[in-house]
Amino acid sequence: DYCSNNNGTFRVITENIPCGTTGTTCSKAIKLFLGNNELILTDGNYQVIQRDNSVEVPYQIHVMGNYLVIEASNGLILMWDKKTSMFIKLSPTFKGQVCGLCGNYDGNENNDFTTRSQAVVVDAVEFGNSWKVSPTCPDVGILKDPCTFNPYRQETKDYADHSVTNYNDCNNGDISNNNPNLP
């Protein structure tokens, strides 16, 4: 919520690395700036660094199953699987007050691709590159269709697409068990 030169209460920064051979990325390290604290999540652990430059935002950390959960008094919840993925949930008080790769949470999906310079774009690569924190991080290039890059996966994709289409045709869009064609 450090948007438009506002003094915010939190900021989430993640360092991503290639994950496997599919072209997907995984979070190597996550930094949560929460008031006057910096929480660094990496290698299944977390570290808290005290900062002096902002207001205190109380928070609690607890483990739920495989997840480390950070709940802050300002309405932010961050869930981290202690490996490669995180989930962020915000209270409605943040509507229209946030910016970045997760959009602006104003209920209008048409302006979620707003760049750091406040331009609304349609290109995902341009949008993503605008939110890089480190200038040494290279720009992402044109996104490649994984099936073109890995032709052996096309058959799996075609099968999955066909299965979903057949399921929807059989159910007329009804996913309930009211269909006599389903067990």
Protein backbone atom coordinates (compact mmCIF):
# COMPACT_ATOMS: atom_id res chain seq x y z
CA ASP A 1 0.00 0.00 0.00
CA TYR A 2 2.95 2.30 -0.74
CA CYS A 3 1.19 3.51 -3.90
CA SER A 4 1.05 7.04 -5.25
CA ASN A 5 3.68 8.28 -2.78
CA ASN A 6 1.52 7.24 0.19
CA ASN A 7 3.13 6.23 3.42
CA GLY A 8 1.98 2.65 3.52
CA THR A 9 1.96 -0.04 6.15
CA PHE A 10 3.22 -2.98 4.09
CA ARG A 11 5.07 -4.02 0.96
CA VAL A 12 5.75 -7.54 -0.36
CA ILE A 13 8.75 -8.22 -2.59
CA THR A 14 9.64 -11.63 -3.96
CA GLU A 15 12.76 -12.84 -5.71
CA ASN A 16 11.78 -15.45 -8.27
CA ILE A 17 13.91 -18.13 -9.89
CA PRO A 18 13.21 -20.64 -12.68
CA CYS A 19 11.46 -23.70 -11.28
CA GLY A 20 11.94 -26.95 -13.17
CA THR A 21 11.97 -27.11 -16.96
CA THR A 22 8.44 -25.85 -17.64
CA GLY A 23 9.23 -22.12 -17.66
CA THR A 24 7.38 -21.48 -14.40
CA THR A 25 8.94 -19.56 -11.55
CA CYS A 26 9.20 -20.16 -7.83
CA SER A 27 9.81 -17.71 -5.01
CA LYS A 28 13.39 -17.98 -3.78
CA ALA A 29 12.98 -15.33 -1.11
CA ILE A 30 10.09 -13.20 0.08
CA LYS A 31 10.49 -9.91 1.92
CA LEU A 32 7.53 -8.53 3.81
CA PHE A 33 8.03 -4.95 4.94
CA LEU A 34 5.45 -4.53 7.68
CA GLY A 35 5.60 -1.21 9.47
CA ASN A 36 9.02 -0.95 11.10
CA ASN A 37 9.82 -4.65 10.56
CA GLU A 38 11.28 -6.50 7.61
CA LEU A 39 10.41 -10.20 7.58
CA ILE A 40 12.58 -12.32 5.29
CA LEU A 41 11.13 -15.69 4.33
CA THR A 42 13.58 -18.12 2.73
CA ASP A 43 14.67 -21.76 2.92
CA GLY A 44 11.71 -22.73 5.11
CA ASN A 45 12.59 -20.17 7.82
CA TYR A 46 11.98 -16.53 8.60
CA GLN A 47 14.06 -13.73 10.01
CA VAL A 48 12.83 -10.42 11.45
CA ILE A 49 14.87 -7.24 11.06
CA GLN A 50 13.85 -4.14 13.03
CA ARG A 51 13.75 -0.90 11.06
CA ASP A 52 13.40 2.57 12.53
CA ASN A 53 11.78 4.40 9.66
CA SER A 54 8.08 3.76 10.12
CA VAL A 55 5.18 3.02 12.42
CA GLU A 56 4.72 -0.27 14.22
CA VAL A 57 2.23 -2.74 12.75
CA PRO A 58 1.55 -5.56 15.22
CA TYR A 59 1.52 -9.06 13.74
CA GLN A 60 1.41 -12.72 14.71
CA ILE A 61 3.24 -15.63 13.09
CA HIS A 62 1.98 -19.17 13.37
CA VAL A 63 2.18 -22.46 11.50
CA MET A 64 -0.93 -24.03 9.97
CA GLY A 65 -0.09 -27.41 8.41
CA ASN A 66 2.61 -26.81 5.82
CA TYR A 67 2.11 -23.04 5.87
CA LEU A 68 3.72 -20.24 7.80
CA VAL A 69 0.98 -17.64 8.30
CA ILE A 70 1.60 -13.99 9.09
CA GLU A 71 -1.48 -12.07 10.27
CA ALA A 72 -1.05 -8.35 10.70
CA SER A 73 -3.33 -5.98 12.59
CA ASN A 74 -3.66 -3.79 9.48
CA GLY A 75 -5.69 -6.51 7.68
CA LEU A 76 -2.95 -8.32 5.74
CA ILE A 77 -2.59 -12.11 5.83
CA LEU A 78 0.36 -13.73 4.07
CA MET A 79 0.51 -17.54 3.80
CA TRP A 80 3.80 -19.13 2.68
CA ASP A 81 4.30 -22.82 1.98
CA LYS A 82 7.91 -22.50 3.25
CA LYS A 83 9.13 -23.37 -0.23
CA THR A 84 8.05 -21.68 -3.44
CA SER A 85 4.56 -20.17 -3.17
CA MET A 86 2.74 -17.51 -1.20
CA PHE A 87 -0.84 -16.31 -0.93
CA ILE A 88 -1.88 -12.83 0.14
CA LYS A 89 -5.28 -11.87 1.51
CA LEU A 90 -6.26 -8.28 2.26
CA SER A 91 -9.14 -6.86 4.23
CA PRO A 92 -11.65 -4.68 2.32
CA THR A 93 -10.07 -1.56 3.87
CA PHE A 94 -7.31 -1.92 1.26
CA LYS A 95 -9.73 -1.67 -1.72
CA GLY A 96 -8.21 0.70 -4.25
CA GLN A 97 -5.25 1.36 -1.93
CA VAL A 98 -2.76 -1.20 -3.27
CA CYS A 99 -0.75 -1.57 -6.45
CA GLY A 100 1.60 -4.05 -8.07
CA LEU A 101 1.52 -7.48 -9.63
CA CYS A 102 -1.67 -8.47 -7.78
CA GLY A 103 -3.62 -5.51 -9.17
CA ASN A 104 -5.20 -2.64 -7.27
CA TYR A 105 -8.12 -4.42 -5.56
CA ASP A 106 -10.71 -1.90 -6.70
CA GLY A 107 -13.14 -4.43 -8.18
CA ASN A 108 -12.39 -3.39 -11.78
CA GLU A 109 -10.35 -6.09 -13.51
CA ASN A 110 -9.88 -3.86 -16.57
CA ASN A 111 -7.29 -1.70 -14.78
CA ASP A 112 -5.39 -4.40 -12.88
CA PHE A 113 -2.49 -4.21 -15.37
CA THR A 114 -1.49 -0.73 -14.16
CA THR A 115 2.26 -0.22 -14.40
CA ARG A 116 4.47 1.42 -11.81
CA SER A 117 4.20 4.65 -13.86
CA GLN A 118 0.35 4.48 -13.65
CA ALA A 119 -0.20 3.46 -17.29
CA VAL A 120 -2.85 0.81 -17.93
CA VAL A 121 -1.48 -1.78 -20.39
CA VAL A 122 -2.76 -5.02 -21.89
CA ASP A 123 0.58 -6.75 -22.35
CA ALA A 124 1.47 -9.00 -19.39
CA VAL A 125 5.20 -8.81 -20.10
CA GLU A 126 5.23 -5.00 -20.15
CA PHE A 127 3.15 -4.94 -16.97
CA GLY A 128 5.39 -7.43 -15.14
CA ASN A 129 8.62 -5.75 -16.21
CA SER A 130 7.37 -2.39 -14.90
CA TRP A 131 7.26 -3.76 -11.34
CA LYS A 132 10.85 -5.02 -11.16
CA VAL A 133 12.58 -3.76 -8.03
CA SER A 134 16.20 -4.32 -9.04
CA PRO A 135 17.51 -2.72 -12.23
CA THR A 136 20.00 -5.59 -12.55
CA CYS A 137 17.13 -8.06 -12.98
CA PRO A 138 16.76 -8.72 -16.72
CA ASP A 139 13.50 -7.96 -18.50
CA VAL A 140 11.25 -10.90 -19.23
CA GLY A 141 10.98 -11.55 -22.95
CA ILE A 142 8.06 -12.69 -25.04
CA LEU A 143 6.10 -15.44 -23.31
CA LYS A 144 6.26 -18.71 -25.23
CA ASP A 145 3.42 -21.16 -25.49
CA PRO A 146 4.59 -24.15 -23.39
CA CYS A 147 3.17 -26.56 -25.97
CA THR A 148 5.22 -24.98 -28.75
CA PHE A 149 8.33 -25.05 -26.59
CA ASN A 150 7.61 -28.64 -25.42
CA PRO A 151 5.69 -30.35 -28.26
CA TYR A 152 5.30 -33.58 -26.28
CA ARG A 153 2.92 -31.72 -23.93
CA GLN A 154 0.46 -30.78 -26.69
CA GLU A 155 -1.24 -34.18 -26.50
CA THR A 156 -1.81 -33.80 -22.75
CA LYS A 157 -3.22 -30.29 -23.25
CA ASP A 158 -5.51 -31.45 -26.07
CA TYR A 159 -6.78 -34.31 -23.91
CA ALA A 160 -7.43 -31.98 -20.96
CA ASP A 161 -9.20 -29.43 -23.17
CA HIS A 162 -11.32 -32.20 -24.74
CA SER A 163 -12.24 -33.65 -21.35
CA VAL A 164 -13.36 -30.27 -19.99
CA THR A 165 -15.37 -29.55 -23.15
CA ASN A 166 -17.05 -32.97 -23.03
CA TYR A 167 -17.80 -32.56 -19.32
CA ASN A 168 -19.39 -29.15 -19.92
CA ASP A 169 -21.36 -30.48 -22.92
CA CYS A 170 -22.68 -33.40 -20.90
CA ASN A 171 -23.67 -31.18 -18.01
CA ASN A 172 -24.87 -28.14 -19.94
CA GLY A 173 -22.65 -26.15 -17.61
CA ASP A 174 -24.31 -27.75 -14.53
CA ILE A 175 -21.61 -29.13 -12.27
CA SER A 176 -24.06 -30.46 -9.73
CA ASN A 177 -24.99 -34.13 -9.47
CA ASN A 178 -28.41 -33.48 -11.04
CA ASN A 179 -27.20 -34.94 -14.31
CA PRO A 180 -28.32 -38.53 -14.96
CA ASN A 181 -25.21 -39.09 -17.13
CA LEU A 182 -22.96 -38.83 -14.08
CA PRO A 183 -22.59 -41.35 -11.28
